[in-house]
Amino acid sequence: NGDPWIATSGQTAGADLWWPVKDHPS
């Protein structure tokens, strides 16, 4: 219908793509 549809992804690239974080699985 033309409405915004927004989603995040970042398993191998890291959560730091969109928020400040200690980007390590440990």
mmCIF file of all heavy atoms, coordinates in Angstrom:
data_MODEL
# 
_entry.id   MODEL 
# 
loop_
_atom_site.group_PDB 
_atom_site.id 
_atom_site.type_symbol 
_atom_site.label_atom_id 
_atom_site.label_alt_id 
_atom_site.label_comp_id 
_atom_site.label_asym_id 
_atom_site.label_entity_id 
_atom_site.label_seq_id 
_atom_site.pdbx_PDB_ins_code 
_atom_site.Cartn_x 
_atom_site.Cartn_y 
_atom_site.Cartn_z 
_atom_site.occupancy 
_atom_site.B_iso_or_equiv 
_atom_site.pdbx_formal_charge 
_atom_site.auth_seq_id 
_atom_site.auth_comp_id 
_atom_site.auth_asym_id 
_atom_site.auth_atom_id 
_atom_site.pdbx_PDB_model_num 
ATOM 1   N N   . ASN A 1 1  ? 0.811  -1.218  0.000  1.00 0.00 ? 1  ASN A N   1 
ATOM 2   C CA  . ASN A 1 1  ? 0.000  0.000   0.000  1.00 0.00 ? 1  ASN A CA  1 
ATOM 3   C C   . ASN A 1 1  ? 0.841  1.264   0.000  1.00 0.00 ? 1  ASN A C   1 
ATOM 4   O O   . ASN A 1 1  ? 0.300  2.375   0.068  1.00 0.00 ? 1  ASN A O   1 
ATOM 5   C CB  . ASN A 1 1  ? -0.929 0.018   1.216  1.00 0.00 ? 1  ASN A CB  1 
ATOM 6   C CG  . ASN A 1 1  ? -2.021 -1.036  1.120  1.00 0.00 ? 1  ASN A CG  1 
ATOM 7   O OD1 . ASN A 1 1  ? -2.406 -1.428  0.016  1.00 0.00 ? 1  ASN A OD1 1 
ATOM 8   N ND2 . ASN A 1 1  ? -2.506 -1.492  2.251  1.00 0.00 ? 1  ASN A ND2 1 
ATOM 9   N N   . GLY A 1 2  ? 2.184  1.128   -0.029 1.00 0.00 ? 2  GLY A N   1 
ATOM 10  C CA  . GLY A 1 2  ? 3.049  2.289   -0.075 1.00 0.00 ? 2  GLY A CA  1 
ATOM 11  C C   . GLY A 1 2  ? 3.440  2.855   1.273  1.00 0.00 ? 2  GLY A C   1 
ATOM 12  O O   . GLY A 1 2  ? 4.048  3.935   1.345  1.00 0.00 ? 2  GLY A O   1 
ATOM 13  N N   . ASP A 1 3  ? 3.124  2.155   2.364  1.00 0.00 ? 3  ASP A N   1 
ATOM 14  C CA  . ASP A 1 3  ? 3.505  2.617   3.698  1.00 0.00 ? 3  ASP A CA  1 
ATOM 15  C C   . ASP A 1 3  ? 4.936  2.199   4.022  1.00 0.00 ? 3  ASP A C   1 
ATOM 16  O O   . ASP A 1 3  ? 5.436  1.204   3.481  1.00 0.00 ? 3  ASP A O   1 
ATOM 17  C CB  . ASP A 1 3  ? 2.559  2.030   4.752  1.00 0.00 ? 3  ASP A CB  1 
ATOM 18  C CG  . ASP A 1 3  ? 1.142  2.539   4.602  1.00 0.00 ? 3  ASP A CG  1 
ATOM 19  O OD1 . ASP A 1 3  ? 0.969  3.766   4.486  1.00 0.00 ? 3  ASP A OD1 1 
ATOM 20  O OD2 . ASP A 1 3  ? 0.215  1.701   4.595  1.00 0.00 ? 3  ASP A OD2 1 
ATOM 21  N N   . PRO A 1 4  ? 5.619  2.916   4.934  1.00 0.00 ? 4  PRO A N   1 
ATOM 22  C CA  . PRO A 1 4  ? 6.966  2.512   5.340  1.00 0.00 ? 4  PRO A CA  1 
ATOM 23  C C   . PRO A 1 4  ? 6.975  1.108   5.945  1.00 0.00 ? 4  PRO A C   1 
ATOM 24  O O   . PRO A 1 4  ? 6.067  0.737   6.702  1.00 0.00 ? 4  PRO A O   1 
ATOM 25  C CB  . PRO A 1 4  ? 7.349  3.569   6.386  1.00 0.00 ? 4  PRO A CB  1 
ATOM 26  C CG  . PRO A 1 4  ? 6.512  4.753   6.045  1.00 0.00 ? 4  PRO A CG  1 
ATOM 27  C CD  . PRO A 1 4  ? 5.210  4.187   5.561  1.00 0.00 ? 4  PRO A CD  1 
ATOM 28  N N   . TRP A 1 5  ? 8.013  0.358   5.599  1.00 0.00 ? 5  TRP A N   1 
ATOM 29  C CA  . TRP A 1 5  ? 8.206  -1.007  6.111  1.00 0.00 ? 5  TRP A CA  1 
ATOM 30  C C   . TRP A 1 5  ? 9.703  -1.131  6.390  1.00 0.00 ? 5  TRP A C   1 
ATOM 31  O O   . TRP A 1 5  ? 10.508 -1.240  5.474  1.00 0.00 ? 5  TRP A O   1 
ATOM 32  C CB  . TRP A 1 5  ? 7.734  -2.004  5.069  1.00 0.00 ? 5  TRP A CB  1 
ATOM 33  C CG  . TRP A 1 5  ? 7.668  -3.425  5.526  1.00 0.00 ? 5  TRP A CG  1 
ATOM 34  C CD1 . TRP A 1 5  ? 7.789  -3.917  6.789  1.00 0.00 ? 5  TRP A CD1 1 
ATOM 35  C CD2 . TRP A 1 5  ? 7.456  -4.571  4.680  1.00 0.00 ? 5  TRP A CD2 1 
ATOM 36  N NE1 . TRP A 1 5  ? 7.658  -5.276  6.798  1.00 0.00 ? 5  TRP A NE1 1 
ATOM 37  C CE2 . TRP A 1 5  ? 7.451  -5.704  5.518  1.00 0.00 ? 5  TRP A CE2 1 
ATOM 38  C CE3 . TRP A 1 5  ? 7.276  -4.728  3.307  1.00 0.00 ? 5  TRP A CE3 1 
ATOM 39  C CZ2 . TRP A 1 5  ? 7.281  -6.987  5.004  1.00 0.00 ? 5  TRP A CZ2 1 
ATOM 40  C CZ3 . TRP A 1 5  ? 7.095  -6.003  2.804  1.00 0.00 ? 5  TRP A CZ3 1 
ATOM 41  C CH2 . TRP A 1 5  ? 7.094  -7.128  3.637  1.00 0.00 ? 5  TRP A CH2 1 
ATOM 42  N N   . ILE A 1 6  ? 10.057 -1.065  7.654  1.00 0.00 ? 6  ILE A N   1 
ATOM 43  C CA  . ILE A 1 6  ? 11.452 -0.899  8.068  1.00 0.00 ? 6  ILE A CA  1 
ATOM 44  C C   . ILE A 1 6  ? 11.861 -2.076  8.943  1.00 0.00 ? 6  ILE A C   1 
ATOM 45  O O   . ILE A 1 6  ? 11.102 -2.525  9.805  1.00 0.00 ? 6  ILE A O   1 
ATOM 46  C CB  . ILE A 1 6  ? 11.619 0.418   8.858  1.00 0.00 ? 6  ILE A CB  1 
ATOM 47  C CG1 . ILE A 1 6  ? 11.091 1.599   8.028  1.00 0.00 ? 6  ILE A CG1 1 
ATOM 48  C CG2 . ILE A 1 6  ? 13.083 0.654   9.235  1.00 0.00 ? 6  ILE A CG2 1 
ATOM 49  C CD1 . ILE A 1 6  ? 10.844 2.855   8.854  1.00 0.00 ? 6  ILE A CD1 1 
ATOM 50  N N   . ALA A 1 7  ? 13.067 -2.572  8.725  1.00 0.00 ? 7  ALA A N   1 
ATOM 51  C CA  . ALA A 1 7  ? 13.557 -3.689  9.534  1.00 0.00 ? 7  ALA A CA  1 
ATOM 52  C C   . ALA A 1 7  ? 15.076 -3.611  9.651  1.00 0.00 ? 7  ALA A C   1 
ATOM 53  O O   . ALA A 1 7  ? 15.756 -3.044  8.792  1.00 0.00 ? 7  ALA A O   1 
ATOM 54  C CB  . ALA A 1 7  ? 13.137 -5.021  8.919  1.00 0.00 ? 7  ALA A CB  1 
ATOM 55  N N   . THR A 1 8  ? 15.592 -4.206  10.721 1.00 0.00 ? 8  THR A N   1 
ATOM 56  C CA  . THR A 1 8  ? 17.033 -4.253  10.962 1.00 0.00 ? 8  THR A CA  1 
ATOM 57  C C   . THR A 1 8  ? 17.553 -5.666  10.771 1.00 0.00 ? 8  THR A C   1 
ATOM 58  O O   . THR A 1 8  ? 16.839 -6.651  10.962 1.00 0.00 ? 8  THR A O   1 
ATOM 59  C CB  . THR A 1 8  ? 17.372 -3.802  12.391 1.00 0.00 ? 8  THR A CB  1 
ATOM 60  O OG1 . THR A 1 8  ? 16.698 -4.663  13.335 1.00 0.00 ? 8  THR A OG1 1 
ATOM 61  C CG2 . THR A 1 8  ? 16.934 -2.358  12.628 1.00 0.00 ? 8  THR A CG2 1 
ATOM 62  N N   . SER A 1 9  ? 18.829 -5.765  10.399 1.00 0.00 ? 9  SER A N   1 
ATOM 63  C CA  . SER A 1 9  ? 19.528 -7.048  10.340 1.00 0.00 ? 9  SER A CA  1 
ATOM 64  C C   . SER A 1 9  ? 21.004 -6.771  10.554 1.00 0.00 ? 9  SER A C   1 
ATOM 65  O O   . SER A 1 9  ? 21.502 -5.717  10.166 1.00 0.00 ? 9  SER A O   1 
ATOM 66  C CB  . SER A 1 9  ? 19.297 -7.755  8.995  1.00 0.00 ? 9  SER A CB  1 
ATOM 67  O OG  . SER A 1 9  ? 19.677 -6.914  7.911  1.00 0.00 ? 9  SER A OG  1 
ATOM 68  N N   . GLY A 1 10 ? 21.721 -7.725  11.173 1.00 0.00 ? 10 GLY A N   1 
ATOM 69  C CA  . GLY A 1 10 ? 23.130 -7.429  11.434 1.00 0.00 ? 10 GLY A CA  1 
ATOM 70  C C   . GLY A 1 10 ? 23.921 -8.551  12.064 1.00 0.00 ? 10 GLY A C   1 
ATOM 71  O O   . GLY A 1 10 ? 24.869 -8.291  12.807 1.00 0.00 ? 10 GLY A O   1 
ATOM 72  N N   . GLN A 1 11 ? 23.557 -9.814  11.759 1.00 0.00 ? 11 GLN A N   1 
ATOM 73  C CA  . GLN A 1 11 ? 24.252 -10.915 12.431 1.00 0.00 ? 11 GLN A CA  1 
ATOM 74  C C   . GLN A 1 11 ? 25.747 -10.922 12.165 1.00 0.00 ? 11 GLN A C   1 
ATOM 75  O O   . GLN A 1 11 ? 26.542 -10.970 13.095 1.00 0.00 ? 11 GLN A O   1 
ATOM 76  C CB  . GLN A 1 11 ? 23.653 -12.257 11.996 1.00 0.00 ? 11 GLN A CB  1 
ATOM 77  C CG  . GLN A 1 11 ? 24.317 -13.446 12.700 1.00 0.00 ? 11 GLN A CG  1 
ATOM 78  C CD  . GLN A 1 11 ? 23.698 -14.774 12.283 1.00 0.00 ? 11 GLN A CD  1 
ATOM 79  O OE1 . GLN A 1 11 ? 23.632 -15.080 11.105 1.00 0.00 ? 11 GLN A OE1 1 
ATOM 80  N NE2 . GLN A 1 11 ? 23.247 -15.544 13.235 1.00 0.00 ? 11 GLN A NE2 1 
ATOM 81  N N   . THR A 1 12 ? 26.161 -10.880 10.909 1.00 0.00 ? 12 THR A N   1 
ATOM 82  C CA  . THR A 1 12 ? 27.590 -10.954 10.614 1.00 0.00 ? 12 THR A CA  1 
ATOM 83  C C   . THR A 1 12 ? 28.237 -9.580  10.513 1.00 0.00 ? 12 THR A C   1 
ATOM 84  O O   . THR A 1 12 ? 29.447 -9.455  10.666 1.00 0.00 ? 12 THR A O   1 
ATOM 85  C CB  . THR A 1 12 ? 27.840 -11.719 9.302  1.00 0.00 ? 12 THR A CB  1 
ATOM 86  O OG1 . THR A 1 12 ? 27.125 -11.087 8.235  1.00 0.00 ? 12 THR A OG1 1 
ATOM 87  C CG2 . THR A 1 12 ? 27.376 -13.162 9.437  1.00 0.00 ? 12 THR A CG2 1 
ATOM 88  N N   . ALA A 1 13 ? 27.441 -8.539  10.231 1.00 0.00 ? 13 ALA A N   1 
ATOM 89  C CA  . ALA A 1 13 ? 28.003 -7.195  10.112 1.00 0.00 ? 13 ALA A CA  1 
ATOM 90  C C   . ALA A 1 13 ? 28.049 -6.470  11.450 1.00 0.00 ? 13 ALA A C   1 
ATOM 91  O O   . ALA A 1 13 ? 28.881 -5.588  11.645 1.00 0.00 ? 13 ALA A O   1 
ATOM 92  C CB  . ALA A 1 13 ? 27.197 -6.378  9.106  1.00 0.00 ? 13 ALA A CB  1 
ATOM 93  N N   . GLY A 1 14 ? 27.171 -6.810  12.378 1.00 0.00 ? 14 GLY A N   1 
ATOM 94  C CA  . GLY A 1 14 ? 27.224 -6.233  13.708 1.00 0.00 ? 14 GLY A CA  1 
ATOM 95  C C   . GLY A 1 14 ? 26.074 -5.308  14.026 1.00 0.00 ? 14 GLY A C   1 
ATOM 96  O O   . GLY A 1 14 ? 25.576 -4.576  13.164 1.00 0.00 ? 14 GLY A O   1 
ATOM 97  N N   . ALA A 1 15 ? 25.667 -5.320  15.301 1.00 0.00 ? 15 ALA A N   1 
ATOM 98  C CA  . ALA A 1 15 ? 24.587 -4.443  15.754 1.00 0.00 ? 15 ALA A CA  1 
ATOM 99  C C   . ALA A 1 15 ? 24.993 -2.985  15.734 1.00 0.00 ? 15 ALA A C   1 
ATOM 100 O O   . ALA A 1 15 ? 24.143 -2.094  15.739 1.00 0.00 ? 15 ALA A O   1 
ATOM 101 C CB  . ALA A 1 15 ? 24.169 -4.843  17.175 1.00 0.00 ? 15 ALA A CB  1 
ATOM 102 N N   . ASP A 1 16 ? 26.307 -2.709  15.694 1.00 0.00 ? 16 ASP A N   1 
ATOM 103 C CA  . ASP A 1 16 ? 26.782 -1.326  15.684 1.00 0.00 ? 16 ASP A CA  1 
ATOM 104 C C   . ASP A 1 16 ? 26.428 -0.597  14.396 1.00 0.00 ? 16 ASP A C   1 
ATOM 105 O O   . ASP A 1 16 ? 26.699 0.594   14.260 1.00 0.00 ? 16 ASP A O   1 
ATOM 106 C CB  . ASP A 1 16 ? 28.286 -1.267  15.930 1.00 0.00 ? 16 ASP A CB  1 
ATOM 107 C CG  . ASP A 1 16 ? 29.100 -1.988  14.860 1.00 0.00 ? 16 ASP A CG  1 
ATOM 108 O OD1 . ASP A 1 16 ? 28.654 -3.053  14.404 1.00 0.00 ? 16 ASP A OD1 1 
ATOM 109 O OD2 . ASP A 1 16 ? 30.168 -1.491  14.495 1.00 0.00 ? 16 ASP A OD2 1 
ATOM 110 N N   . LEU A 1 17 ? 25.816 -1.277  13.443 1.00 0.00 ? 17 LEU A N   1 
ATOM 111 C CA  . LEU A 1 17 ? 25.323 -0.609  12.246 1.00 0.00 ? 17 LEU A CA  1 
ATOM 112 C C   . LEU A 1 17 ? 24.230 0.400   12.577 1.00 0.00 ? 17 LEU A C   1 
ATOM 113 O O   . LEU A 1 17 ? 23.998 1.339   11.814 1.00 0.00 ? 17 LEU A O   1 
ATOM 114 C CB  . LEU A 1 17 ? 24.777 -1.635  11.251 1.00 0.00 ? 17 LEU A CB  1 
ATOM 115 C CG  . LEU A 1 17 ? 25.812 -2.452  10.480 1.00 0.00 ? 17 LEU A CG  1 
ATOM 116 C CD1 . LEU A 1 17 ? 25.129 -3.549  9.701  1.00 0.00 ? 17 LEU A CD1 1 
ATOM 117 C CD2 . LEU A 1 17 ? 26.615 -1.557  9.555  1.00 0.00 ? 17 LEU A CD2 1 
ATOM 118 N N   . TRP A 1 18 ? 23.535 0.189   13.731 1.00 0.00 ? 18 TRP A N   1 
ATOM 119 C CA  . TRP A 1 18 ? 22.427 1.105   14.016 1.00 0.00 ? 18 TRP A CA  1 
ATOM 120 C C   . TRP A 1 18 ? 22.341 1.553   15.476 1.00 0.00 ? 18 TRP A C   1 
ATOM 121 O O   . TRP A 1 18 ? 21.541 2.430   15.789 1.00 0.00 ? 18 TRP A O   1 
ATOM 122 C CB  . TRP A 1 18 ? 21.102 0.517   13.544 1.00 0.00 ? 18 TRP A CB  1 
ATOM 123 C CG  . TRP A 1 18 ? 20.648 -0.766  14.195 1.00 0.00 ? 18 TRP A CG  1 
ATOM 124 C CD1 . TRP A 1 18 ? 21.158 -2.014  14.016 1.00 0.00 ? 18 TRP A CD1 1 
ATOM 125 C CD2 . TRP A 1 18 ? 19.559 -0.919  15.109 1.00 0.00 ? 18 TRP A CD2 1 
ATOM 126 N NE1 . TRP A 1 18 ? 20.465 -2.939  14.754 1.00 0.00 ? 18 TRP A NE1 1 
ATOM 127 C CE2 . TRP A 1 18 ? 19.470 -2.294  15.426 1.00 0.00 ? 18 TRP A CE2 1 
ATOM 128 C CE3 . TRP A 1 18 ? 18.642 -0.043  15.685 1.00 0.00 ? 18 TRP A CE3 1 
ATOM 129 C CZ2 . TRP A 1 18 ? 18.510 -2.814  16.303 1.00 0.00 ? 18 TRP A CZ2 1 
ATOM 130 C CZ3 . TRP A 1 18 ? 17.673 -0.556  16.553 1.00 0.00 ? 18 TRP A CZ3 1 
ATOM 131 C CH2 . TRP A 1 18 ? 17.615 -1.923  16.845 1.00 0.00 ? 18 TRP A CH2 1 
ATOM 132 N N   . TRP A 1 19 ? 23.184 0.999   16.360 1.00 0.00 ? 19 TRP A N   1 
ATOM 133 C CA  . TRP A 1 19 ? 23.210 1.524   17.734 1.00 0.00 ? 19 TRP A CA  1 
ATOM 134 C C   . TRP A 1 19 ? 24.569 1.258   18.376 1.00 0.00 ? 19 TRP A C   1 
ATOM 135 O O   . TRP A 1 19 ? 25.263 0.309   18.003 1.00 0.00 ? 19 TRP A O   1 
ATOM 136 C CB  . TRP A 1 19 ? 22.060 0.957   18.575 1.00 0.00 ? 19 TRP A CB  1 
ATOM 137 C CG  . TRP A 1 19 ? 21.983 -0.536  18.739 1.00 0.00 ? 19 TRP A CG  1 
ATOM 138 C CD1 . TRP A 1 19 ? 21.584 -1.442  17.818 1.00 0.00 ? 19 TRP A CD1 1 
ATOM 139 C CD2 . TRP A 1 19 ? 22.281 -1.286  19.933 1.00 0.00 ? 19 TRP A CD2 1 
ATOM 140 N NE1 . TRP A 1 19 ? 21.610 -2.718  18.342 1.00 0.00 ? 19 TRP A NE1 1 
ATOM 141 C CE2 . TRP A 1 19 ? 22.034 -2.655  19.634 1.00 0.00 ? 19 TRP A CE2 1 
ATOM 142 C CE3 . TRP A 1 19 ? 22.725 -0.951  21.206 1.00 0.00 ? 19 TRP A CE3 1 
ATOM 143 C CZ2 . TRP A 1 19 ? 22.219 -3.662  20.575 1.00 0.00 ? 19 TRP A CZ2 1 
ATOM 144 C CZ3 . TRP A 1 19 ? 22.904 -1.953  22.152 1.00 0.00 ? 19 TRP A CZ3 1 
ATOM 145 C CH2 . TRP A 1 19 ? 22.655 -3.301  21.827 1.00 0.00 ? 19 TRP A CH2 1 
ATOM 146 N N   . PRO A 1 20 ? 24.991 2.114   19.327 1.00 0.00 ? 20 PRO A N   1 
ATOM 147 C CA  . PRO A 1 20 ? 26.286 1.938   19.989 1.00 0.00 ? 20 PRO A CA  1 
ATOM 148 C C   . PRO A 1 20 ? 26.257 0.712   20.893 1.00 0.00 ? 20 PRO A C   1 
ATOM 149 O O   . PRO A 1 20 ? 25.335 0.537   21.698 1.00 0.00 ? 20 PRO A O   1 
ATOM 150 C CB  . PRO A 1 20 ? 26.444 3.224   20.829 1.00 0.00 ? 20 PRO A CB  1 
ATOM 151 C CG  . PRO A 1 20 ? 25.407 4.167   20.316 1.00 0.00 ? 20 PRO A CG  1 
ATOM 152 C CD  . PRO A 1 20 ? 24.287 3.326   19.801 1.00 0.00 ? 20 PRO A CD  1 
ATOM 153 N N   . VAL A 1 21 ? 27.284 -0.131  20.792 1.00 0.00 ? 21 VAL A N   1 
ATOM 154 C CA  . VAL A 1 21 ? 27.224 -1.427  21.446 1.00 0.00 ? 21 VAL A CA  1 
ATOM 155 C C   . VAL A 1 21 ? 28.629 -2.005  21.569 1.00 0.00 ? 21 VAL A C   1 
ATOM 156 O O   . VAL A 1 21 ? 29.529 -1.642  20.803 1.00 0.00 ? 21 VAL A O   1 
ATOM 157 C CB  . VAL A 1 21 ? 26.319 -2.383  20.613 1.00 0.00 ? 21 VAL A CB  1 
ATOM 158 C CG1 . VAL A 1 21 ? 26.910 -2.621  19.224 1.00 0.00 ? 21 VAL A CG1 1 
ATOM 159 C CG2 . VAL A 1 21 ? 26.077 -3.711  21.318 1.00 0.00 ? 21 VAL A CG2 1 
ATOM 160 N N   . LYS A 1 22 ? 28.825 -2.867  22.507 1.00 0.00 ? 22 LYS A N   1 
ATOM 161 C CA  . LYS A 1 22 ? 30.024 -3.704  22.540 1.00 0.00 ? 22 LYS A CA  1 
ATOM 162 C C   . LYS A 1 22 ? 29.736 -4.867  21.592 1.00 0.00 ? 22 LYS A C   1 
ATOM 163 O O   . LYS A 1 22 ? 29.050 -5.821  21.941 1.00 0.00 ? 22 LYS A O   1 
ATOM 164 C CB  . LYS A 1 22 ? 30.307 -4.198  23.956 1.00 0.00 ? 22 LYS A CB  1 
ATOM 165 C CG  . LYS A 1 22 ? 31.530 -5.108  24.091 1.00 0.00 ? 22 LYS A CG  1 
ATOM 166 C CD  . LYS A 1 22 ? 31.720 -5.517  25.548 1.00 0.00 ? 22 LYS A CD  1 
ATOM 167 C CE  . LYS A 1 22 ? 32.853 -6.503  25.732 1.00 0.00 ? 22 LYS A CE  1 
ATOM 168 N NZ  . LYS A 1 22 ? 33.013 -6.891  27.168 1.00 0.00 ? 22 LYS A NZ  1 
ATOM 169 N N   . ASP A 1 23 ? 30.286 -4.778  20.396 1.00 0.00 ? 23 ASP A N   1 
ATOM 170 C CA  . ASP A 1 23 ? 29.890 -5.684  19.320 1.00 0.00 ? 23 ASP A CA  1 
ATOM 171 C C   . ASP A 1 23 ? 30.740 -6.948  19.343 1.00 0.00 ? 23 ASP A C   1 
ATOM 172 O O   . ASP A 1 23 ? 31.642 -7.128  18.520 1.00 0.00 ? 23 ASP A O   1 
ATOM 173 C CB  . ASP A 1 23 ? 30.001 -4.973  17.970 1.00 0.00 ? 23 ASP A CB  1 
ATOM 174 C CG  . ASP A 1 23 ? 29.508 -5.835  16.828 1.00 0.00 ? 23 ASP A CG  1 
ATOM 175 O OD1 . ASP A 1 23 ? 28.531 -6.575  17.053 1.00 0.00 ? 23 ASP A OD1 1 
ATOM 176 O OD2 . ASP A 1 23 ? 30.106 -5.783  15.743 1.00 0.00 ? 23 ASP A OD2 1 
ATOM 177 N N   . HIS A 1 24 ? 30.441 -7.807  20.287 1.00 0.00 ? 24 HIS A N   1 
ATOM 178 C CA  . HIS A 1 24 ? 31.150 -9.082  20.395 1.00 0.00 ? 24 HIS A CA  1 
ATOM 179 C C   . HIS A 1 24 ? 30.206 -10.096 21.028 1.00 0.00 ? 24 HIS A C   1 
ATOM 180 O O   . HIS A 1 24 ? 29.510 -9.779  22.001 1.00 0.00 ? 24 HIS A O   1 
ATOM 181 C CB  . HIS A 1 24 ? 32.408 -8.932  21.260 1.00 0.00 ? 24 HIS A CB  1 
ATOM 182 C CG  . HIS A 1 24 ? 33.391 -10.033 21.057 1.00 0.00 ? 24 HIS A CG  1 
ATOM 183 N ND1 . HIS A 1 24 ? 33.279 -11.258 21.693 1.00 0.00 ? 24 HIS A ND1 1 
ATOM 184 C CD2 . HIS A 1 24 ? 34.504 -10.122 20.279 1.00 0.00 ? 24 HIS A CD2 1 
ATOM 185 C CE1 . HIS A 1 24 ? 34.287 -12.040 21.321 1.00 0.00 ? 24 HIS A CE1 1 
ATOM 186 N NE2 . HIS A 1 24 ? 35.037 -11.366 20.469 1.00 0.00 ? 24 HIS A NE2 1 
ATOM 187 N N   . PRO A 1 25 ? 30.155 -11.330 20.497 1.00 0.00 ? 25 PRO A N   1 
ATOM 188 C CA  . PRO A 1 25 ? 29.183 -12.298 21.009 1.00 0.00 ? 25 PRO A CA  1 
ATOM 189 C C   . PRO A 1 25 ? 29.427 -12.722 22.450 1.00 0.00 ? 25 PRO A C   1 
ATOM 190 O O   . PRO A 1 25 ? 28.530 -13.293 23.084 1.00 0.00 ? 25 PRO A O   1 
ATOM 191 C CB  . PRO A 1 25 ? 29.328 -13.488 20.048 1.00 0.00 ? 25 PRO A CB  1 
ATOM 192 C CG  . PRO A 1 25 ? 30.703 -13.359 19.475 1.00 0.00 ? 25 PRO A CG  1 
ATOM 193 C CD  . PRO A 1 25 ? 30.952 -11.880 19.376 1.00 0.00 ? 25 PRO A CD  1 
ATOM 194 N N   . SER A 1 26 ? 30.612 -12.447 22.990 1.00 0.00 ? 26 SER A N   1 
ATOM 195 C CA  . SER A 1 26 ? 30.949 -12.911 24.335 1.00 0.00 ? 26 SER A CA  1 
ATOM 196 C C   . SER A 1 26 ? 30.271 -12.110 25.441 1.00 0.00 ? 26 SER A C   1 
ATOM 197 O O   . SER A 1 26 ? 30.298 -12.518 26.602 1.00 0.00 ? 26 SER A O   1 
ATOM 198 C CB  . SER A 1 26 ? 32.470 -12.857 24.548 1.00 0.00 ? 26 SER A CB  1 
ATOM 199 O OG  . SER A 1 26 ? 32.934 -11.518 24.484 1.00 0.00 ? 26 SER A OG  1 
# 
